């Protein structure tokens, strides 16, 4: 739960973990998050909640909507006799498409959101039932841990772990082959206080050691870290294409769903040779190009700058079903990626145009900018020397500045 609108209230969120949880489940509009989540879980999932069609409503497991989807025909009392009627509300509920696993999701976007929690139960009978169930699970699973922290300081994590183990005992294999708890941490949330992956890892290592008596992630728990900062930057740029928004959205849907654009590296051994490197480079170039435009060429179309910057290296994604770069798994390999020799050779700019034009109408200036974006570093570009359009020159400068300055600093 984040600051602002309560997570008990359905509707679109404006910031924090609710915002990113809603974007995560809205895969058609935010495929980067969905693809990265799938990679970390190890399978695609079908989201039960929250869903756009249900106004992003979140559920308790004993609510009728959740019961009918997850435990059809079951008696609530038989499943949930270990807890009072007022249960935890889950940030996300999903089922694995391959494994059939039930995934219960608790999401956080900054450290303070996870700290200092206590039970809010007021009724003495409810308090006693909660404490007895917590004590039982502490004794069975983590007897070496500090039980005081289960009720004072890390109560929410304690009750999530308790629900994991109680639901496992009651619903496997009757309803699901397995149940897992996902502790989902958003990295670099620009809408809240940014938390790095290292800070999240350090936080959980300390909490697990103090509360559970081990630094290891508990059995049945998946600890996920999704970087949302790049997603935020990328989405903001796409939203700047307004005059041709419908055609551009269709092009980006094709690119994001059918090619390796979102996951490919920017190179095999030079700048940003890592997962998402191509996307990160494209975003860097677009942001740099917009800054340069504002200073030296304000008359240039802002929309054209975004389009050519995001698409100038699209050819590095390869074609649908055949990426240009493959992970280099050979023993003793010097570089993390290698060229895919099964791909028909085309230069990167030519392949970019090949992928774009069937879906999106580029202007002549945009076409020139993409085709000649490498500038005079490339011998075959000599023909355009001194005949570059302003858009082409600006893309060249932004590409070079991003690759040789911004991204070189990132690699140090």
Protein backbone atom coordinates (compact mmCIF):
# COMPACT_ATOMS: atom_id res chain seq x y z
CA UNK A 1 0.00 0.00 0.00
CA UNK A 2 1.32 3.44 -0.92
CA UNK A 3 0.75 6.98 0.17
CA UNK A 4 -2.27 8.65 -1.40
CA UNK A 5 -5.38 6.72 -2.40
CA UNK A 6 -6.02 3.71 -0.17
CA UNK A 7 -5.50 0.31 -1.76
CA UNK A 8 -8.95 -0.56 -0.41
CA UNK A 9 -10.39 1.81 -3.02
CA UNK A 10 -10.68 0.55 -6.62
CA UNK A 11 -9.57 2.79 -9.47
CA UNK A 12 -6.46 3.93 -11.33
CA UNK A 13 -3.50 4.84 -9.14
CA UNK A 14 -1.25 7.83 -9.70
CA UNK A 15 1.93 6.73 -7.95
CA UNK A 16 3.73 4.07 -5.96
CA UNK A 17 3.31 0.32 -5.92
CA UNK A 18 -0.38 0.44 -6.89
CA UNK A 19 0.48 2.38 -10.05
CA UNK A 20 3.19 -0.08 -11.09
CA UNK A 21 1.11 -3.10 -10.15
CA UNK A 22 -1.67 -1.80 -12.39
CA UNK A 23 0.78 -1.24 -15.23
CA UNK A 24 2.26 -4.69 -14.74
CA UNK A 25 -1.09 -6.42 -15.24
CA UNK A 26 -1.92 -4.20 -18.25
CA UNK A 27 0.52 -6.05 -20.52
CA UNK A 28 -0.77 -4.72 -23.88
CA UNK A 29 0.10 -1.16 -22.86
CA UNK A 30 3.14 -1.87 -20.67
CA UNK A 31 4.80 -4.96 -22.19
CA UNK A 32 8.25 -4.22 -20.77
CA UNK A 33 7.10 -4.82 -17.20
CA UNK A 34 5.13 -7.93 -18.15
CA UNK A 35 8.05 -9.47 -20.04
CA UNK A 36 10.50 -8.82 -17.23
CA UNK A 37 8.11 -10.21 -14.63
CA UNK A 38 7.64 -13.34 -16.73
CA UNK A 39 11.41 -13.74 -17.03
CA UNK A 40 11.89 -13.51 -13.26
CA UNK A 41 8.98 -15.79 -12.35
CA UNK A 42 9.95 -18.31 -15.00
CA UNK A 43 6.53 -18.53 -16.67
CA UNK A 44 3.68 -16.39 -17.94
CA UNK A 45 0.81 -15.85 -15.53
CA UNK A 46 -2.89 -15.17 -15.82
CA UNK A 47 -3.82 -12.30 -13.53
CA UNK A 48 -6.93 -12.73 -11.43
CA UNK A 49 -6.55 -9.30 -9.82
CA UNK A 50 -6.15 -6.42 -10.17
CA UNK A 51 -7.60 -6.14 -13.68
CA UNK A 52 -8.38 -3.07 -15.83
CA UNK A 53 -11.86 -4.43 -16.62
CA UNK A 54 -12.65 -4.55 -12.87
CA UNK A 55 -11.35 -1.03 -12.21
CA UNK A 56 -8.19 -2.55 -10.73
CA UNK A 57 -10.01 -3.90 -7.71
CA UNK A 58 -7.84 -5.85 -5.27
CA UNK A 59 -9.16 -8.86 -3.36
CA UNK A 60 -9.02 -10.71 -0.10
CA UNK A 61 -8.96 -14.46 -0.68
CA UNK A 62 -12.27 -14.97 1.11
CA UNK A 63 -14.19 -12.47 -1.01
CA UNK A 64 -16.78 -14.05 -3.28
CA UNK A 65 -15.07 -12.88 -6.48
CA UNK A 66 -11.80 -14.52 -5.43
CA UNK A 67 -13.48 -17.65 -4.06
CA UNK A 68 -15.31 -18.34 -7.34
CA UNK A 69 -12.10 -17.96 -9.37
CA UNK A 70 -9.70 -19.77 -7.04
CA UNK A 71 -11.68 -22.17 -4.86
CA UNK A 72 -14.90 -23.06 -6.71
CA UNK A 73 -17.32 -24.99 -4.51
CA UNK A 74 -15.11 -24.71 -1.42
CA UNK A 75 -16.35 -23.89 2.07
CA UNK A 76 -14.78 -20.63 3.26
CA UNK A 77 -14.65 -21.80 6.85
CA UNK A 78 -12.75 -24.97 5.95
CA UNK A 79 -10.05 -22.98 4.15
CA UNK A 80 -9.82 -19.88 6.32
CA UNK A 81 -10.56 -21.12 9.83
CA UNK A 82 -7.05 -20.05 10.85
CA UNK A 83 -7.77 -16.30 10.52
CA UNK A 84 -10.46 -13.74 11.35
CA UNK A 85 -12.93 -12.74 8.65
CA UNK A 86 -11.03 -9.52 7.97
CA UNK A 87 -8.13 -10.90 5.92
CA UNK A 88 -5.14 -9.30 4.19
CA UNK A 89 -5.89 -7.76 0.82
CA UNK A 90 -3.46 -8.86 -1.89
CA UNK A 91 -1.76 -6.47 -4.29
CA UNK A 92 -1.92 -9.18 -6.93
CA UNK A 93 -3.29 -12.69 -7.45
CA UNK A 94 -2.23 -14.79 -10.43
CA UNK A 95 -2.09 -18.36 -11.72
CA UNK A 96 0.87 -19.76 -13.66
CA UNK A 97 -0.09 -20.65 -17.23
CA UNK A 98 2.27 -23.63 -17.35
CA UNK A 99 2.53 -24.82 -13.75
CA UNK A 100 -0.93 -23.93 -12.46
CA UNK A 101 0.75 -22.40 -9.39
CA UNK A 102 -1.22 -19.88 -7.35
CA UNK A 103 0.85 -16.72 -6.89
CA UNK A 104 0.01 -14.29 -4.09
CA UNK A 105 1.69 -10.91 -4.58
CA UNK A 106 2.76 -8.29 -2.05
CA UNK A 107 4.22 -5.24 -3.82
CA UNK A 108 6.38 -2.38 -2.54
CA UNK A 109 7.89 0.64 -4.28
CA UNK A 110 10.11 2.07 -1.53
CA UNK A 111 11.63 0.77 1.69
CA UNK A 112 9.60 2.81 4.15
CA UNK A 113 6.47 1.20 2.72
CA UNK A 114 7.67 -2.15 4.02
CA UNK A 115 8.82 -1.03 7.46
CA UNK A 116 7.24 -0.56 10.88
CA UNK A 117 3.98 -2.45 10.45
CA UNK A 118 1.76 -3.67 13.29
CA UNK A 119 -1.55 -5.48 13.43
CA UNK A 120 -4.60 -3.20 13.30
CA UNK A 121 -6.96 -5.78 14.81
CA UNK A 122 -9.06 -4.42 17.71
CA UNK A 123 -11.29 -7.31 18.70
CA UNK A 124 -9.64 -9.43 21.47
CA UNK A 125 -10.88 -12.68 19.90
CA UNK A 126 -9.39 -11.71 16.51
CA UNK A 127 -6.12 -10.64 18.11
CA UNK A 128 -5.84 -13.96 19.93
CA UNK A 129 -6.58 -15.98 16.77
CA UNK A 130 -4.02 -14.02 14.76
CA UNK A 131 -1.33 -14.39 17.41
CA UNK A 132 -1.93 -18.12 17.81
CA UNK A 133 -1.66 -18.70 14.05
CA UNK A 134 1.48 -16.58 13.81
CA UNK A 135 3.05 -18.45 16.73
CA UNK A 136 2.28 -21.81 15.16
CA UNK A 137 3.87 -20.90 11.83
CA UNK A 138 6.84 -19.29 13.53
CA UNK A 139 7.44 -22.45 15.56
CA UNK A 140 7.03 -24.80 12.58
CA UNK A 141 8.95 -22.87 9.92
CA UNK A 142 11.26 -20.37 11.65
CA UNK A 143 11.82 -21.35 15.30
CA UNK A 144 15.22 -19.63 15.24
CA UNK A 145 13.65 -16.27 14.32
CA UNK A 146 12.66 -13.42 16.62
CA UNK A 147 8.90 -13.77 17.14
CA UNK A 148 8.55 -10.26 18.56
CA UNK A 149 9.20 -8.92 15.05
CA UNK A 150 6.25 -10.96 13.75
CA UNK A 151 3.85 -8.74 15.65
CA UNK A 152 5.92 -5.56 16.08
CA UNK A 153 7.70 -4.14 13.06
CA UNK A 154 7.21 -6.79 10.35
CA UNK A 155 3.65 -7.89 10.97
CA UNK A 156 2.60 -7.62 7.32
CA UNK A 157 5.42 -9.87 6.11
CA UNK A 158 4.61 -12.30 8.93
CA UNK A 159 0.96 -12.59 7.98
CA UNK A 160 1.83 -12.97 4.30
CA UNK A 161 4.16 -15.85 5.12
CA UNK A 162 1.51 -17.33 7.38
CA UNK A 163 -1.09 -17.20 4.63
CA UNK A 164 1.37 -18.85 2.24
CA UNK A 165 1.93 -21.83 4.50
CA UNK A 166 -1.69 -22.15 5.64
CA UNK A 167 -3.05 -22.00 2.08
CA UNK A 168 -0.42 -24.51 0.98
CA UNK A 169 -1.58 -26.91 3.69
CA UNK A 170 -5.27 -26.50 2.82
CA UNK A 171 -5.32 -26.09 -0.96
CA UNK A 172 -2.48 -28.25 -2.35
CA UNK A 173 -3.22 -30.38 -4.28
CA UNK A 174 -7.01 -29.99 -4.05
CA UNK A 175 -7.09 -26.67 -5.91
CA UNK A 176 -3.51 -25.93 -6.99
CA UNK A 177 -0.35 -27.99 -7.52
CA UNK A 178 1.57 -25.37 -5.53
CA UNK A 179 1.22 -21.94 -3.91
CA UNK A 180 3.93 -19.28 -3.84
CA UNK A 181 4.30 -15.85 -2.30
CA UNK A 182 5.84 -13.14 -4.48
CA UNK A 183 7.51 -10.26 -2.67
CA UNK A 184 7.57 -7.80 -5.57
CA UNK A 185 9.81 -4.77 -5.19
CA UNK A 186 9.82 -1.96 -7.72
CA UNK A 187 13.26 -0.50 -8.36
CA UNK A 188 13.82 3.18 -9.14
CA UNK A 189 10.18 4.28 -8.82
CA UNK A 190 10.28 7.95 -9.95
CA UNK A 191 6.88 8.63 -8.38
CA UNK A 192 8.14 7.87 -4.87
CA UNK A 193 11.50 7.76 -3.10
CA UNK A 194 13.67 5.71 -5.43
CA UNK A 195 15.03 2.44 -4.03
CA UNK A 196 17.85 0.57 -5.78
CA UNK A 197 18.02 -3.17 -6.27
CA UNK A 198 20.98 -3.31 -3.88
CA UNK A 199 18.97 -1.48 -1.21
CA UNK A 200 16.08 -3.92 -1.58
CA UNK A 201 18.39 -6.93 -1.39
CA UNK A 202 20.12 -5.55 1.71
CA UNK A 203 16.77 -4.77 3.34
CA UNK A 204 15.37 -8.27 2.90
CA UNK A 205 18.60 -9.96 3.88
CA UNK A 206 18.53 -8.06 7.19
CA UNK A 207 14.82 -8.61 7.77
CA UNK A 208 15.01 -12.33 7.03
CA UNK A 209 17.99 -12.75 9.37
CA UNK A 210 16.33 -10.87 12.24
CA UNK A 211 12.78 -12.11 11.79
CA UNK A 212 13.32 -15.63 10.44
CA UNK A 213 16.82 -16.48 11.64
CA UNK A 214 18.22 -16.92 8.11
CA UNK A 215 19.41 -14.64 5.31
CA UNK A 216 18.01 -17.06 2.75
CA UNK A 217 14.73 -16.37 0.95
CA UNK A 218 12.09 -18.53 2.67
CA UNK A 219 10.80 -21.68 1.01
CA UNK A 220 7.86 -20.95 -1.27
CA UNK A 221 8.79 -17.27 -1.63
CA UNK A 222 9.91 -15.50 -4.81
CA UNK A 223 11.80 -12.25 -4.24
CA UNK A 224 11.40 -10.18 -7.42
CA UNK A 225 12.91 -6.80 -8.31
CA UNK A 226 11.37 -4.97 -11.28
CA UNK A 227 13.14 -1.84 -12.53
CA UNK A 228 10.40 0.64 -13.43
CA UNK A 229 12.51 3.73 -14.11
CA UNK A 230 13.33 2.74 -17.69
CA UNK A 231 9.68 1.84 -18.28
CA UNK A 232 8.62 5.25 -16.99
CA UNK A 233 11.05 7.09 -19.28
CA UNK A 234 10.11 4.98 -22.30
CA UNK A 235 6.37 5.45 -21.79
CA UNK A 236 6.76 9.21 -21.41
CA UNK A 237 8.53 9.36 -24.79
CA UNK A 238 5.92 7.24 -26.55
CA UNK A 239 3.20 9.51 -25.19
CA UNK A 240 4.81 12.46 -26.99
CA UNK A 241 3.82 11.06 -30.39
CA UNK A 242 0.35 12.60 -30.76
CA UNK A 243 -0.27 13.56 -34.39
CA UNK A 244 0.29 10.01 -35.65
CA UNK A 245 -0.55 8.29 -32.38
CA UNK A 246 -2.76 5.52 -33.79
CA UNK A 247 -0.27 4.36 -36.43
CA UNK A 248 2.64 4.74 -34.01
CA UNK A 249 0.87 2.68 -31.34
CA UNK A 250 0.26 -0.08 -33.90
CA UNK A 251 3.92 -0.04 -34.94
CA UNK A 252 5.16 -0.17 -31.35
CA UNK A 253 2.76 -3.00 -30.52
CA UNK A 254 4.22 -5.01 -33.42
CA UNK A 255 7.79 -4.18 -32.38
CA UNK A 256 7.25 -4.92 -28.68
CA UNK A 257 5.28 -8.14 -29.16
CA UNK A 258 6.98 -9.66 -32.22
CA UNK A 259 10.65 -8.64 -32.01
CA UNK A 260 13.41 -8.58 -29.39
CA UNK A 261 13.35 -4.76 -29.18
CA UNK A 262 12.57 -4.65 -25.46
CA UNK A 263 15.12 -7.24 -24.37
CA UNK A 264 17.99 -7.07 -26.89
CA UNK A 265 21.41 -5.64 -26.01
CA UNK A 266 22.65 -2.49 -27.75
CA UNK A 267 25.79 -4.30 -28.93
CA UNK A 268 27.68 -7.56 -28.56
CA UNK A 269 30.68 -6.10 -26.75
CA UNK A 270 30.57 -2.30 -26.65
CA UNK A 271 27.95 0.01 -25.16
CA UNK A 272 25.11 -1.47 -23.10
CA UNK A 273 25.80 -5.09 -24.04
CA UNK A 274 23.17 -6.32 -21.58
CA UNK A 275 19.47 -7.21 -21.44
CA UNK A 276 17.31 -4.17 -22.30
CA UNK A 277 20.44 -2.40 -23.61
CA UNK A 278 18.89 -1.55 -26.99
CA UNK A 279 15.83 -0.01 -25.34
CA UNK A 280 17.95 1.90 -22.83
CA UNK A 281 20.15 3.27 -25.62
CA UNK A 282 17.12 4.29 -27.68
CA UNK A 283 15.62 6.11 -24.69
CA UNK A 284 18.95 7.81 -23.95
CA UNK A 285 19.20 9.02 -27.55
CA UNK A 286 15.62 10.32 -27.54
CA UNK A 287 16.05 12.23 -24.28
CA UNK A 288 19.39 13.66 -25.42
CA UNK A 289 17.97 14.62 -28.81
CA UNK A 290 15.06 16.48 -27.21
CA UNK A 291 17.48 18.45 -25.00
CA UNK A 292 19.58 19.38 -28.03
CA UNK A 293 16.50 20.32 -30.03
CA UNK A 294 15.35 22.68 -27.29
CA UNK A 295 18.72 24.45 -27.36
CA UNK A 296 19.66 24.64 -31.04
CA UNK A 297 16.70 23.55 -33.21
CA UNK A 298 13.37 24.36 -31.53
CA UNK A 299 11.61 24.49 -34.90
CA UNK A 300 12.23 20.78 -35.50
CA UNK A 301 9.26 18.52 -34.85
CA UNK A 302 9.44 17.12 -31.33
CA UNK A 303 7.43 14.14 -32.54
CA UNK A 304 9.91 13.39 -35.34
CA UNK A 305 12.79 13.54 -32.86
CA UNK A 306 11.13 10.92 -30.64
CA UNK A 307 10.26 8.68 -33.58
CA UNK A 308 13.72 8.58 -35.19
CA UNK A 309 15.51 8.28 -31.85
CA UNK A 310 13.43 5.36 -30.60
CA UNK A 311 13.60 3.59 -33.98
CA UNK A 312 17.08 4.39 -35.33
CA UNK A 313 18.59 1.10 -34.09
CA UNK A 314 15.45 -1.02 -34.39
CA UNK A 315 17.28 -3.29 -36.83
CA UNK A 316 19.34 -4.62 -33.93
CA UNK A 317 16.19 -6.40 -32.74
CA UNK A 318 16.36 -8.69 -35.78
CA UNK A 319 13.05 -9.87 -37.23
CA UNK A 320 10.07 -11.68 -35.67
CA UNK A 321 11.28 -15.05 -34.41
CA UNK A 322 14.94 -14.36 -35.25
CA UNK A 323 16.84 -11.89 -33.05
CA UNK A 324 20.04 -10.30 -34.29
CA UNK A 325 21.92 -10.99 -31.05
CA UNK A 326 22.07 -14.26 -29.12
CA UNK A 327 23.39 -14.95 -25.65
CA UNK A 328 26.93 -16.27 -25.96
CA UNK A 329 26.78 -19.44 -23.87
CA UNK A 330 29.96 -20.96 -25.26
CA UNK A 331 32.48 -21.87 -22.58
CA UNK A 332 35.25 -19.29 -22.36
CA UNK A 333 33.34 -16.76 -24.52
CA UNK A 334 34.90 -13.30 -24.40
CA UNK A 335 31.65 -11.41 -24.94
CA UNK A 336 28.15 -11.88 -23.50
CA UNK A 337 26.41 -11.78 -26.91
CA UNK A 338 27.11 -12.89 -30.47
CA UNK A 339 25.62 -12.30 -33.91
CA UNK A 340 22.88 -14.63 -35.05
CA UNK A 341 24.25 -16.21 -38.23
CA UNK A 342 20.81 -17.49 -39.22
CA UNK A 343 19.63 -13.93 -39.82
CA UNK A 344 19.78 -12.62 -43.41
CA UNK A 345 22.36 -9.85 -43.46
CA UNK A 346 21.07 -6.31 -43.67
CA UNK A 347 22.71 -3.25 -42.20
CA UNK A 348 21.03 -2.05 -39.02
CA UNK A 349 19.51 1.09 -40.64
CA UNK A 350 18.18 -0.88 -43.62
CA UNK A 351 16.60 -3.49 -41.34
CA UNK A 352 15.11 -0.69 -39.26
CA UNK A 353 13.40 0.74 -42.33
CA UNK A 354 12.35 -2.76 -43.41
CA UNK A 355 10.57 -3.27 -40.09
CA UNK A 356 9.02 0.20 -39.86
CA UNK A 357 7.54 0.99 -43.28
CA UNK A 358 4.91 -1.78 -43.52
CA UNK A 359 3.38 -0.42 -40.30
CA UNK A 360 4.15 3.29 -40.14
CA UNK A 361 4.58 6.13 -42.70
CA UNK A 362 7.88 7.92 -42.18
CA UNK A 363 8.56 11.32 -43.70
CA UNK A 364 11.52 11.74 -46.07
CA UNK A 365 13.43 13.57 -43.35
CA UNK A 366 12.77 10.82 -40.82
CA UNK A 367 13.84 8.18 -43.34
CA UNK A 368 17.09 9.98 -44.04
CA UNK A 369 17.79 10.43 -40.33
CA UNK A 370 17.39 6.70 -39.61
CA UNK A 371 19.28 5.48 -42.69
CA UNK A 372 22.27 7.80 -42.14
CA UNK A 373 22.25 8.08 -38.35
CA UNK A 374 25.81 6.70 -38.09
CA UNK A 375 27.08 9.78 -39.92
CA UNK A 376 30.48 9.91 -41.54
CA UNK A 377 31.83 7.09 -39.37
CA UNK A 378 30.42 4.76 -42.04
CA UNK A 379 32.01 4.73 -45.49
CA UNK A 380 28.74 4.24 -47.38
CA UNK A 381 27.38 7.41 -45.78
CA UNK A 382 29.84 9.63 -47.68
CA UNK A 383 27.16 10.17 -50.31
CA UNK A 384 25.08 12.24 -47.90
CA UNK A 385 27.96 14.37 -46.61
CA UNK A 386 26.96 18.06 -46.45
CA UNK A 387 23.43 17.12 -47.58
CA UNK A 388 22.09 15.99 -44.19
CA UNK A 389 18.78 17.39 -43.03
CA UNK A 390 18.79 19.07 -39.59
CA UNK A 391 16.91 16.08 -38.15
CA UNK A 392 19.66 13.76 -39.41
CA UNK A 393 22.43 15.86 -37.88
CA UNK A 394 20.66 16.12 -34.56
CA UNK A 395 20.12 12.34 -34.43
CA UNK A 396 23.79 11.75 -35.25
CA UNK A 397 24.94 14.05 -32.44
CA UNK A 398 22.48 12.62 -29.92
CA UNK A 399 23.45 9.04 -30.83
CA UNK A 400 27.15 9.78 -30.46
CA UNK A 401 26.72 11.69 -27.21
CA UNK A 402 24.64 8.90 -25.73
CA UNK A 403 26.99 6.11 -26.81
CA UNK A 404 30.33 7.79 -26.22
CA UNK A 405 29.55 9.92 -23.15
CA UNK A 406 26.40 8.95 -21.23
CA UNK A 407 26.70 5.18 -21.66
CA UNK A 408 30.46 5.12 -21.26
CA UNK A 409 29.97 6.69 -17.80
CA UNK A 410 27.40 4.00 -16.97
CA UNK A 411 29.90 1.24 -17.77
CA UNK A 412 32.62 2.58 -15.48
